[in-house]
Amino acid sequence: MLNKDKNLKLYYSISEVAQMLGVNESLLRFWEDEFPQQLKPKRAGRGVRQYNAEDIEALKLIYHLVKERGMTLQGARQRLKNNREGTLRNFEVVERLKNIREELVSMRDALNTFTYEDMDALQKNIEENKKGEDPEASSSV
């Protein structure tokens, strides 16, 4: 039986990784040349690159530095060489904040779908349920 869950895969092809990051495969090959200390994907038969979870995390970090923070390749290399742990911590915080923002935007959008009519109907429903639960409330009306 084939493993359909991508989180359980040991290795990913260059096309899968490129799709995850939203970049071209050629950029990944270029970064492999530019960041030889950080990127060392396994080579299968005929030189096919196979990226593991550690390689993908390194690529995400490079993407963050170069594409999102706007650093030069030399600056990103220097940052990873001199302060990899601090850079990694900052990257993880940024990723967590992005996830939180995404969740909040999703909640806002869900709340924006409610109309005043929906809210009125919901309130009436709540009031009717309260009357049904409390026998004194229905006799006093």
N, C-alpha and C. Protein backbone atom coordinates (compact mmCIF):
# COMPACT_ATOMS: atom_id res chain seq x y z
N MET A 1 0.85 -1.18 0.00
CA MET A 1 0.00 0.00 0.00
C MET A 1 0.89 1.24 0.00
N LEU A 2 0.59 2.21 -0.84
CA LEU A 2 1.37 3.43 -0.94
C LEU A 2 1.04 4.38 0.20
N ASN A 3 2.05 5.14 0.63
CA ASN A 3 1.87 6.12 1.69
C ASN A 3 1.36 7.42 1.09
N LYS A 4 0.12 7.77 1.38
CA LYS A 4 -0.49 8.98 0.84
C LYS A 4 -0.20 10.21 1.69
N ASP A 5 0.21 10.03 2.95
CA ASP A 5 0.46 11.14 3.86
C ASP A 5 1.85 11.70 3.62
N LYS A 6 1.94 12.92 3.09
CA LYS A 6 3.22 13.53 2.75
C LYS A 6 4.08 13.77 3.98
N ASN A 7 3.47 13.94 5.17
CA ASN A 7 4.24 14.19 6.37
C ASN A 7 5.05 12.97 6.80
N LEU A 8 4.71 11.80 6.31
CA LEU A 8 5.42 10.59 6.72
C LEU A 8 6.49 10.16 5.72
N LYS A 9 6.65 10.90 4.63
CA LYS A 9 7.64 10.54 3.64
C LYS A 9 9.04 10.84 4.16
N LEU A 10 9.99 10.00 3.80
CA LEU A 10 11.38 10.25 4.19
C LEU A 10 12.06 11.17 3.20
N TYR A 11 11.74 11.02 1.92
CA TYR A 11 12.40 11.82 0.89
C TYR A 11 11.37 12.40 -0.07
N TYR A 12 11.67 13.60 -0.55
CA TYR A 12 10.82 14.30 -1.49
C TYR A 12 11.62 14.61 -2.76
N SER A 13 10.95 14.59 -3.89
CA SER A 13 11.61 14.93 -5.14
C SER A 13 11.78 16.45 -5.23
N ILE A 14 12.62 16.87 -6.14
CA ILE A 14 12.86 18.30 -6.31
C ILE A 14 11.58 19.02 -6.74
N SER A 15 10.75 18.35 -7.53
CA SER A 15 9.50 18.98 -7.97
C SER A 15 8.54 19.15 -6.79
N GLU A 16 8.48 18.19 -5.90
CA GLU A 16 7.62 18.31 -4.71
C GLU A 16 8.08 19.45 -3.81
N VAL A 17 9.39 19.56 -3.62
CA VAL A 17 9.93 20.61 -2.75
C VAL A 17 9.71 21.98 -3.40
N ALA A 18 9.93 22.06 -4.70
CA ALA A 18 9.71 23.33 -5.41
C ALA A 18 8.26 23.76 -5.27
N GLN A 19 7.35 22.82 -5.37
CA GLN A 19 5.93 23.13 -5.22
C GLN A 19 5.61 23.58 -3.80
N MET A 20 6.21 22.93 -2.80
CA MET A 20 5.99 23.31 -1.40
C MET A 20 6.38 24.77 -1.16
N LEU A 21 7.51 25.18 -1.75
CA LEU A 21 8.03 26.52 -1.52
C LEU A 21 7.51 27.54 -2.52
N GLY A 22 6.89 27.06 -3.58
CA GLY A 22 6.39 27.97 -4.61
C GLY A 22 7.49 28.60 -5.44
N VAL A 23 8.54 27.83 -5.73
CA VAL A 23 9.66 28.31 -6.53
C VAL A 23 9.93 27.32 -7.66
N ASN A 24 10.81 27.71 -8.57
CA ASN A 24 11.21 26.83 -9.66
C ASN A 24 12.26 25.83 -9.19
N GLU A 25 12.30 24.69 -9.84
CA GLU A 25 13.30 23.68 -9.53
C GLU A 25 14.71 24.22 -9.77
N SER A 26 14.85 25.05 -10.78
CA SER A 26 16.17 25.61 -11.10
C SER A 26 16.69 26.47 -9.94
N LEU A 27 15.79 27.15 -9.23
CA LEU A 27 16.22 27.95 -8.08
C LEU A 27 16.75 27.04 -6.97
N LEU A 28 16.12 25.91 -6.77
CA LEU A 28 16.61 24.97 -5.75
C LEU A 28 17.99 24.44 -6.12
N ARG A 29 18.21 24.13 -7.38
CA ARG A 29 19.53 23.67 -7.82
C ARG A 29 20.57 24.79 -7.64
N PHE A 30 20.17 26.02 -7.94
CA PHE A 30 21.06 27.17 -7.77
C PHE A 30 21.42 27.34 -6.30
N TRP A 31 20.42 27.30 -5.42
CA TRP A 31 20.69 27.44 -3.99
C TRP A 31 21.57 26.31 -3.47
N GLU A 32 21.43 25.14 -4.04
CA GLU A 32 22.29 24.02 -3.63
C GLU A 32 23.75 24.35 -3.90
N ASP A 33 24.02 25.01 -5.02
CA ASP A 33 25.39 25.43 -5.33
C ASP A 33 25.85 26.58 -4.44
N GLU A 34 24.93 27.49 -4.13
CA GLU A 34 25.26 28.68 -3.35
C GLU A 34 25.38 28.41 -1.84
N PHE A 35 24.70 27.39 -1.35
CA PHE A 35 24.70 27.06 0.08
C PHE A 35 25.12 25.61 0.29
N PRO A 36 26.35 25.27 -0.08
CA PRO A 36 26.77 23.86 0.01
C PRO A 36 26.86 23.34 1.45
N GLN A 37 27.07 24.23 2.42
CA GLN A 37 27.14 23.79 3.81
C GLN A 37 25.77 23.42 4.37
N GLN A 38 24.73 24.10 3.89
CA GLN A 38 23.40 23.88 4.42
C GLN A 38 22.58 22.87 3.62
N LEU A 39 22.82 22.77 2.32
CA LEU A 39 22.02 21.92 1.45
C LEU A 39 22.86 20.80 0.86
N LYS A 40 22.49 19.59 1.23
CA LYS A 40 23.16 18.42 0.68
C LYS A 40 22.13 17.32 0.47
N PRO A 41 21.26 17.49 -0.53
CA PRO A 41 20.26 16.44 -0.74
C PRO A 41 20.92 15.14 -1.20
N LYS A 42 20.30 14.05 -0.82
CA LYS A 42 20.79 12.73 -1.22
C LYS A 42 20.59 12.57 -2.73
N ARG A 43 21.50 11.88 -3.37
CA ARG A 43 21.37 11.62 -4.80
C ARG A 43 21.03 10.16 -5.01
N ALA A 44 19.95 9.93 -5.74
CA ALA A 44 19.54 8.57 -6.09
C ALA A 44 20.16 8.25 -7.45
N GLY A 45 19.71 7.17 -8.04
CA GLY A 45 20.20 6.78 -9.35
C GLY A 45 20.07 7.90 -10.37
N ARG A 46 21.04 8.04 -11.24
CA ARG A 46 21.11 9.07 -12.28
C ARG A 46 21.10 10.48 -11.71
N GLY A 47 21.56 10.65 -10.47
CA GLY A 47 21.71 11.99 -9.89
C GLY A 47 20.42 12.66 -9.47
N VAL A 48 19.34 11.90 -9.34
CA VAL A 48 18.06 12.47 -8.93
C VAL A 48 18.15 12.90 -7.46
N ARG A 49 17.83 14.17 -7.21
CA ARG A 49 17.91 14.71 -5.85
C ARG A 49 16.73 14.20 -5.02
N GLN A 50 17.05 13.85 -3.77
CA GLN A 50 16.03 13.44 -2.81
C GLN A 50 16.24 14.26 -1.54
N TYR A 51 15.24 15.08 -1.22
CA TYR A 51 15.32 15.99 -0.07
C TYR A 51 14.63 15.37 1.13
N ASN A 52 15.32 15.39 2.28
CA ASN A 52 14.70 14.93 3.52
C ASN A 52 14.15 16.15 4.28
N ALA A 53 13.56 15.91 5.43
CA ALA A 53 12.93 16.98 6.21
C ALA A 53 13.95 18.05 6.60
N GLU A 54 15.16 17.66 6.93
CA GLU A 54 16.21 18.62 7.31
C GLU A 54 16.57 19.52 6.12
N ASP A 55 16.68 18.94 4.93
CA ASP A 55 16.96 19.73 3.73
C ASP A 55 15.85 20.74 3.47
N ILE A 56 14.61 20.31 3.66
CA ILE A 56 13.47 21.19 3.41
C ILE A 56 13.45 22.34 4.41
N GLU A 57 13.77 22.07 5.67
CA GLU A 57 13.83 23.13 6.67
C GLU A 57 14.94 24.13 6.32
N ALA A 58 16.09 23.63 5.85
CA ALA A 58 17.17 24.52 5.43
C ALA A 58 16.72 25.39 4.26
N LEU A 59 16.01 24.79 3.32
CA LEU A 59 15.50 25.56 2.17
C LEU A 59 14.50 26.61 2.61
N LYS A 60 13.64 26.27 3.55
CA LYS A 60 12.66 27.25 4.06
C LYS A 60 13.38 28.42 4.72
N LEU A 61 14.44 28.12 5.44
CA LEU A 61 15.21 29.17 6.10
C LEU A 61 15.90 30.06 5.07
N ILE A 62 16.49 29.46 4.05
CA ILE A 62 17.12 30.23 2.98
C ILE A 62 16.08 31.07 2.25
N TYR A 63 14.93 30.48 1.96
CA TYR A 63 13.85 31.22 1.31
C TYR A 63 13.45 32.43 2.14
N HIS A 64 13.31 32.22 3.45
CA HIS A 64 12.94 33.31 4.36
C HIS A 64 13.97 34.44 4.29
N LEU A 65 15.24 34.09 4.36
CA LEU A 65 16.29 35.12 4.37
C LEU A 65 16.37 35.86 3.03
N VAL A 66 16.33 35.11 1.94
CA VAL A 66 16.56 35.71 0.62
C VAL A 66 15.30 36.35 0.06
N LYS A 67 14.20 35.63 0.08
CA LYS A 67 12.98 36.12 -0.56
C LYS A 67 12.14 37.02 0.34
N GLU A 68 12.00 36.65 1.60
CA GLU A 68 11.12 37.42 2.48
C GLU A 68 11.85 38.57 3.16
N ARG A 69 13.07 38.33 3.61
CA ARG A 69 13.82 39.39 4.28
C ARG A 69 14.63 40.23 3.30
N GLY A 70 14.78 39.76 2.06
CA GLY A 70 15.48 40.52 1.02
C GLY A 70 16.98 40.55 1.15
N MET A 71 17.56 39.57 1.80
CA MET A 71 19.02 39.52 1.96
C MET A 71 19.68 39.06 0.67
N THR A 72 20.92 39.47 0.48
CA THR A 72 21.70 38.96 -0.64
C THR A 72 22.13 37.54 -0.32
N LEU A 73 22.56 36.82 -1.33
CA LEU A 73 23.03 35.45 -1.09
C LEU A 73 24.23 35.45 -0.15
N GLN A 74 25.14 36.39 -0.35
CA GLN A 74 26.31 36.49 0.52
C GLN A 74 25.88 36.81 1.95
N GLY A 75 24.93 37.73 2.12
CA GLY A 75 24.44 38.08 3.44
C GLY A 75 23.76 36.90 4.12
N ALA A 76 22.98 36.15 3.37
CA ALA A 76 22.30 34.97 3.93
C ALA A 76 23.33 33.91 4.34
N ARG A 77 24.33 33.70 3.48
CA ARG A 77 25.39 32.73 3.82
C ARG A 77 26.09 33.14 5.11
N GLN A 78 26.41 34.44 5.21
CA GLN A 78 27.12 34.94 6.39
C GLN A 78 26.24 34.79 7.63
N ARG A 79 24.96 35.10 7.52
CA ARG A 79 24.04 34.99 8.65
C ARG A 79 23.95 33.54 9.12
N LEU A 80 23.85 32.61 8.18
CA LEU A 80 23.75 31.20 8.54
C LEU A 80 25.06 30.69 9.14
N LYS A 81 26.17 31.23 8.69
CA LYS A 81 27.48 30.80 9.21
C LYS A 81 27.71 31.34 10.62
N ASN A 82 27.42 32.63 10.84
CA ASN A 82 27.74 33.28 12.10
C ASN A 82 26.69 33.07 13.19
N ASN A 83 25.43 33.01 12.81
CA ASN A 83 24.38 32.96 13.82
C ASN A 83 23.22 32.07 13.37
N ARG A 84 23.51 30.84 13.09
CA ARG A 84 22.49 29.93 12.59
C ARG A 84 21.37 29.71 13.61
N GLU A 85 21.74 29.52 14.87
CA GLU A 85 20.73 29.24 15.90
C GLU A 85 19.78 30.42 16.09
N GLY A 86 20.32 31.64 16.17
CA GLY A 86 19.48 32.82 16.32
C GLY A 86 18.59 33.03 15.11
N THR A 87 19.15 32.82 13.93
CA THR A 87 18.39 32.96 12.70
C THR A 87 17.27 31.93 12.66
N LEU A 88 17.56 30.72 13.07
CA LEU A 88 16.56 29.66 13.08
C LEU A 88 15.43 29.97 14.07
N ARG A 89 15.79 30.48 15.25
CA ARG A 89 14.78 30.86 16.24
C ARG A 89 13.87 31.96 15.69
N ASN A 90 14.48 32.98 15.07
CA ASN A 90 13.68 34.07 14.48
C ASN A 90 12.75 33.55 13.40
N PHE A 91 13.26 32.65 12.57
CA PHE A 91 12.46 32.07 11.50
C PHE A 91 11.28 31.30 12.08
N GLU A 92 11.51 30.52 13.13
CA GLU A 92 10.44 29.74 13.75
C GLU A 92 9.37 30.65 14.34
N VAL A 93 9.79 31.76 14.95
CA VAL A 93 8.82 32.71 15.51
C VAL A 93 7.99 33.31 14.39
N VAL A 94 8.64 33.71 13.30
CA VAL A 94 7.92 34.28 12.16
C VAL A 94 6.92 33.27 11.60
N GLU A 95 7.32 32.01 11.48
CA GLU A 95 6.42 30.98 10.97
C GLU A 95 5.22 30.78 11.89
N ARG A 96 5.44 30.78 13.20
CA ARG A 96 4.33 30.64 14.14
C ARG A 96 3.37 31.83 14.04
N LEU A 97 3.93 33.01 13.91
CA LEU A 97 3.10 34.21 13.78
C LEU A 97 2.29 34.17 12.49
N LYS A 98 2.88 33.68 11.41
CA LYS A 98 2.14 33.55 10.15
C LYS A 98 0.97 32.58 10.32
N ASN A 99 1.21 31.47 11.01
CA ASN A 99 0.13 30.50 11.24
C ASN A 99 -0.98 31.09 12.09
N ILE A 100 -0.61 31.85 13.12
CA ILE A 100 -1.61 32.49 13.97
C ILE A 100 -2.42 33.50 13.16
N ARG A 101 -1.73 34.29 12.33
CA ARG A 101 -2.43 35.27 11.50
C ARG A 101 -3.41 34.56 10.55
N GLU A 102 -2.96 33.48 9.95
CA GLU A 102 -3.82 32.73 9.04
C GLU A 102 -5.08 32.23 9.76
N GLU A 103 -4.91 31.74 10.97
CA GLU A 103 -6.04 31.26 11.75
C GLU A 103 -6.99 32.41 12.11
N LEU A 104 -6.44 33.55 12.49
CA LEU A 104 -7.27 34.70 12.83
C LEU A 104 -8.03 35.22 11.61
N VAL A 105 -7.38 35.26 10.47
CA VAL A 105 -8.06 35.69 9.25
C VAL A 105 -9.19 34.73 8.91
N SER A 106 -8.94 33.45 9.11
CA SER A 106 -9.97 32.44 8.85
C SER A 106 -11.16 32.65 9.79
N MET A 107 -10.89 32.93 11.06
CA MET A 107 -11.98 33.19 12.02
C MET A 107 -12.75 34.44 11.63
N ARG A 108 -12.04 35.50 11.25
CA ARG A 108 -12.69 36.74 10.84
C ARG A 108 -13.60 36.50 9.64
N ASP A 109 -13.09 35.78 8.66
CA ASP A 109 -13.89 35.50 7.47
C ASP A 109 -15.13 34.68 7.81
N ALA A 110 -14.98 33.73 8.72
CA ALA A 110 -16.13 32.92 9.13
C ALA A 110 -17.16 33.79 9.84
N LEU A 111 -16.70 34.70 10.68
CA LEU A 111 -17.63 35.59 11.38
C LEU A 111 -18.30 36.58 10.43
N ASN A 112 -17.58 36.99 9.41
CA ASN A 112 -18.14 37.95 8.45
C ASN A 112 -19.25 37.35 7.59
N THR A 113 -19.36 36.04 7.57
CA THR A 113 -20.42 35.42 6.78
C THR A 113 -21.77 35.51 7.47
N PHE A 114 -21.79 35.78 8.78
CA PHE A 114 -23.04 35.94 9.51
C PHE A 114 -23.68 37.28 9.15
N THR A 115 -24.99 37.27 8.96
CA THR A 115 -25.73 38.50 8.71
C THR A 115 -26.51 38.86 9.96
N TYR A 116 -27.07 40.06 9.97
CA TYR A 116 -27.89 40.47 11.11
C TYR A 116 -29.10 39.56 11.26
N GLU A 117 -29.65 39.11 10.15
CA GLU A 117 -30.79 38.21 10.20
C GLU A 117 -30.40 36.89 10.86
N ASP A 118 -29.21 36.40 10.52
CA ASP A 118 -28.70 35.17 11.14
C ASP A 118 -28.57 35.37 12.65
N MET A 119 -28.06 36.52 13.05
CA MET A 119 -27.86 36.79 14.46
C MET A 119 -29.21 36.89 15.19
N ASP A 120 -30.19 37.54 14.55
CA ASP A 120 -31.52 37.63 15.16
C ASP A 120 -32.15 36.25 15.31
N ALA A 121 -32.03 35.44 14.28
CA ALA A 121 -32.60 34.09 14.34
C ALA A 121 -31.89 33.27 15.41
N LEU A 122 -30.60 33.42 15.53
CA LEU A 122 -29.84 32.69 16.55
C LEU A 122 -30.28 33.13 17.95
N GLN A 123 -30.48 34.42 18.14
CA GLN A 123 -30.89 34.91 19.45
C GLN A 123 -32.30 34.41 19.80
N LYS A 124 -33.21 34.43 18.83
CA LYS A 124 -34.56 33.91 19.07
C LYS A 124 -34.52 32.43 19.44
N ASN A 125 -33.68 31.69 18.75
CA ASN A 125 -33.53 30.26 19.02
C ASN A 125 -33.02 30.05 20.45
N ILE A 126 -32.06 30.84 20.87
CA ILE A 126 -31.51 30.73 22.23
C ILE A 126 -32.60 31.05 23.26
N GLU A 127 -33.35 32.11 23.00
CA GLU A 127 -34.42 32.50 23.93
C GLU A 127 -35.49 31.42 24.03
N GLU A 128 -35.84 30.81 22.89
CA GLU A 128 -36.85 29.75 22.90
C GLU A 128 -36.34 28.53 23.67
N ASN A 129 -35.07 28.23 23.51
CA ASN A 129 -34.50 27.09 24.24
C ASN A 129 -34.46 27.37 25.74
N LYS A 130 -34.20 28.60 26.13
CA LYS A 130 -34.20 28.95 27.55
C LYS A 130 -35.59 28.80 28.14
N LYS A 131 -36.62 29.22 27.39
CA LYS A 131 -38.00 29.10 27.87
C LYS A 131 -38.39 27.64 28.01
N GLY A 132 -37.93 26.81 27.10
CA GLY A 132 -38.26 25.39 27.15
C GLY A 132 -37.59 24.70 28.31
N GLU A 133 -36.44 25.18 28.75
CA GLU A 133 -35.71 24.56 29.85
C GLU A 133 -36.24 25.01 31.20
N ASP A 134 -36.73 26.24 31.30
CA ASP A 134 -37.15 26.81 32.56
C ASP A 134 -38.69 26.90 32.61
N PRO A 135 -39.36 25.97 33.37
CA PRO A 135 -40.82 25.97 33.39
C PRO A 135 -41.40 27.25 33.98
N GLU A 136 -40.71 27.89 34.93
CA GLU A 136 -41.21 29.11 35.53
C GLU A 136 -41.21 30.25 34.52
N ALA A 137 -40.22 30.28 33.62
CA ALA A 137 -40.12 31.35 32.62
C ALA A 137 -41.31 31.31 31.68
N SER A 138 -41.76 30.10 31.31
CA SER A 138 -42.88 30.01 30.36
C SER A 138 -44.21 30.33 31.07
N SER A 139 -44.36 30.04 32.39
CA SER A 139 -45.62 30.33 33.09
C SER A 139 -45.74 31.79 33.44
N SER A 140 -44.63 32.50 33.59
CA SER A 140 -44.70 33.91 33.96
C SER A 140 -44.97 34.80 32.77
N VAL A 141 -44.86 34.28 31.55
CA VAL A 141 -45.09 35.09 30.35
C VAL A 141 -46.53 35.11 29.97
